[in-house]
Amino acid sequence: MAKIIGEYHWLFFGLIKCAIMLGFFINAGGLLTIVERRQAAILQDRIGPNRAVVNVPGVVLKGLLATPPLLAAGLISAISYALWPPALV
């Protein structure tokens, strides 16, 4: 393993640099999105992204609204498991 890293050290360190840059830009993109939405809210004199809430009364109604997406996710995972079973290594 050390010999492979020694021969291809340029590739190894290049991949590490790419991973660091990717992590930085993904985080910067999320932060800049929040900043842009907040500035647009201030400019338009409206509620910003951190205070925009849809209040749903009652636990039962919240459960009814959350059940279909959960069932769909379970169905999708079951279908994908049936079509493409995991390979045994």
C-alpha atoms as a PDB file:
ATOM      1  CA  MET A   1       0.000   0.000   0.000  1.00  0.00           C
ATOM      2  CA  ALA A   2       2.793   2.424   0.870  1.00  0.00           C
ATOM      3  CA  LYS A   3       4.476   1.679  -2.450  1.00  0.00           C
ATOM      4  CA  ILE A   4       1.285   2.497  -4.364  1.00  0.00           C
ATOM      5  CA  ILE A   5       0.867   5.781  -2.481  1.00  0.00           C
ATOM      6  CA  GLY A   6       4.539   6.542  -3.050  1.00  0.00           C
ATOM      7  CA  GLU A   7       4.264   6.053  -6.806  1.00  0.00           C
ATOM      8  CA  TYR A   8       0.982   7.882  -7.156  1.00  0.00           C
ATOM      9  CA  HIS A   9       1.420  10.517  -4.475  1.00  0.00           C
ATOM     10  CA  TRP A  10       0.416  13.229  -6.921  1.00  0.00           C
ATOM     11  CA  LEU A  11      -2.935  11.505  -7.511  1.00  0.00           C
ATOM     12  CA  PHE A  12      -3.495  10.860  -3.817  1.00  0.00           C
ATOM     13  CA  PHE A  13      -2.850  14.465  -2.794  1.00  0.00           C
ATOM     14  CA  GLY A  14      -4.805  15.745  -5.799  1.00  0.00           C
ATOM     15  CA  LEU A  15      -7.873  13.781  -4.680  1.00  0.00           C
ATOM     16  CA  ILE A  16      -7.483  15.114  -1.143  1.00  0.00           C
ATOM     17  CA  LYS A  17      -7.300  18.676  -2.491  1.00  0.00           C
ATOM     18  CA  CYS A  18     -10.400  18.088  -4.620  1.00  0.00           C
ATOM     19  CA  ALA A  19     -12.299  16.712  -1.620  1.00  0.00           C
ATOM     20  CA  ILE A  20     -11.351  19.739   0.505  1.00  0.00           C
ATOM     21  CA  MET A  21     -12.353  22.161  -2.247  1.00  0.00           C
ATOM     22  CA  LEU A  22     -15.633  20.321  -2.855  1.00  0.00           C
ATOM     23  CA  GLY A  23     -16.485  20.451   0.847  1.00  0.00           C
ATOM     24  CA  PHE A  24     -15.682  24.154   0.976  1.00  0.00           C
ATOM     25  CA  PHE A  25     -17.765  25.042  -2.065  1.00  0.00           C
ATOM     26  CA  ILE A  26     -20.758  22.940  -0.990  1.00  0.00           C
ATOM     27  CA  ASN A  27     -20.802  24.643   2.407  1.00  0.00           C
ATOM     28  CA  ALA A  28     -20.229  28.073   0.858  1.00  0.00           C
ATOM     29  CA  GLY A  29     -23.096  27.481  -1.570  1.00  0.00           C
ATOM     30  CA  GLY A  30     -25.522  26.675   1.236  1.00  0.00           C
ATOM     31  CA  LEU A  31     -24.404  29.668   3.270  1.00  0.00           C
ATOM     32  CA  LEU A  32     -24.647  32.043   0.301  1.00  0.00           C
ATOM     33  CA  THR A  33     -28.142  30.748  -0.477  1.00  0.00           C
ATOM     34  CA  ILE A  34     -29.313  31.627   3.037  1.00  0.00           C
ATOM     35  CA  VAL A  35     -27.625  35.040   2.837  1.00  0.00           C
ATOM     36  CA  GLU A  36     -29.251  35.781  -0.530  1.00  0.00           C
ATOM     37  CA  ARG A  37     -32.710  34.788   0.719  1.00  0.00           C
ATOM     38  CA  ARG A  38     -32.279  36.897   3.841  1.00  0.00           C
ATOM     39  CA  GLN A  39     -31.172  39.946   1.846  1.00  0.00           C
ATOM     40  CA  ALA A  40     -34.096  39.513  -0.544  1.00  0.00           C
ATOM     41  CA  ALA A  41     -36.488  39.357   2.427  1.00  0.00           C
ATOM     42  CA  ILE A  42     -35.043  42.547   3.891  1.00  0.00           C
ATOM     43  CA  LEU A  43     -35.209  44.281   0.514  1.00  0.00           C
ATOM     44  CA  GLN A  44     -38.844  43.237  -0.043  1.00  0.00           C
ATOM     45  CA  ASP A  45     -39.856  43.912   3.587  1.00  0.00           C
ATOM     46  CA  ARG A  46     -41.143  40.406   4.245  1.00  0.00           C
ATOM     47  CA  ILE A  47     -40.453  37.545   6.639  1.00  0.00           C
ATOM     48  CA  GLY A  48     -37.082  35.908   6.033  1.00  0.00           C
ATOM     49  CA  PRO A  49     -36.244  32.230   5.522  1.00  0.00           C
ATOM     50  CA  ASN A  50     -35.632  31.518   9.191  1.00  0.00           C
ATOM     51  CA  ARG A  51     -39.111  32.627  10.333  1.00  0.00           C
ATOM     52  CA  ALA A  52     -41.320  31.368   7.524  1.00  0.00           C
ATOM     53  CA  VAL A  53     -43.396  28.596   9.121  1.00  0.00           C
ATOM     54  CA  VAL A  54     -46.574  26.764   8.193  1.00  0.00           C
ATOM     55  CA  ASN A  55     -48.328  25.869  11.440  1.00  0.00           C
ATOM     56  CA  VAL A  56     -50.163  22.545  11.280  1.00  0.00           C
ATOM     57  CA  PRO A  57     -52.438  22.011  14.286  1.00  0.00           C
ATOM     58  CA  GLY A  58     -52.547  18.673  16.046  1.00  0.00           C
ATOM     59  CA  VAL A  59     -50.363  15.617  16.133  1.00  0.00           C
ATOM     60  CA  VAL A  60     -52.835  13.528  14.116  1.00  0.00           C
ATOM     61  CA  LEU A  61     -52.869  15.950  11.194  1.00  0.00           C
ATOM     62  CA  LYS A  62     -49.068  16.143  11.216  1.00  0.00           C
ATOM     63  CA  GLY A  63     -48.929  12.344  11.150  1.00  0.00           C
ATOM     64  CA  LEU A  64     -51.382  12.208   8.256  1.00  0.00           C
ATOM     65  CA  LEU A  65     -49.268  14.668   6.295  1.00  0.00           C
ATOM     66  CA  ALA A  66     -46.030  12.789   7.030  1.00  0.00           C
ATOM     67  CA  THR A  67     -47.298   9.256   6.307  1.00  0.00           C
ATOM     68  CA  PRO A  68     -47.520   9.317   2.453  1.00  0.00           C
ATOM     69  CA  PRO A  69     -43.890  10.405   1.901  1.00  0.00           C
ATOM     70  CA  LEU A  70     -42.679   7.779   4.376  1.00  0.00           C
ATOM     71  CA  LEU A  71     -44.720   5.070   2.665  1.00  0.00           C
ATOM     72  CA  ALA A  72     -43.443   6.172  -0.744  1.00  0.00           C
ATOM     73  CA  ALA A  73     -39.840   6.037   0.466  1.00  0.00           C
ATOM     74  CA  GLY A  74     -40.384   2.532   1.851  1.00  0.00           C
ATOM     75  CA  LEU A  75     -42.016   1.417  -1.402  1.00  0.00           C
ATOM     76  CA  ILE A  76     -39.175   2.821  -3.495  1.00  0.00           C
ATOM     77  CA  SER A  77     -36.560   1.103  -1.344  1.00  0.00           C
ATOM     78  CA  ALA A  78     -38.461  -2.211  -1.493  1.00  0.00           C
ATOM     79  CA  ILE A  79     -38.764  -2.021  -5.281  1.00  0.00           C
ATOM     80  CA  SER A  80     -35.101  -1.121  -5.719  1.00  0.00           C
ATOM     81  CA  TYR A  81     -34.098  -3.967  -3.382  1.00  0.00           C
ATOM     82  CA  ALA A  82     -36.230  -6.410  -5.417  1.00  0.00           C
ATOM     83  CA  LEU A  83     -34.881  -5.220  -8.770  1.00  0.00           C
ATOM     84  CA  TRP A  84     -31.232  -4.816  -7.727  1.00  0.00           C
ATOM     85  CA  PRO A  85     -30.432  -7.064  -4.771  1.00  0.00           C
ATOM     86  CA  PRO A  86     -27.227  -6.243  -2.916  1.00  0.00           C
ATOM     87  CA  ALA A  87     -24.209  -8.189  -4.074  1.00  0.00           C
ATOM     88  CA  LEU A  88     -22.643 -10.568  -1.606  1.00  0.00           C
ATOM     89  CA  VAL A  89     -18.949  -9.909  -1.233  1.00  0.00           C
END
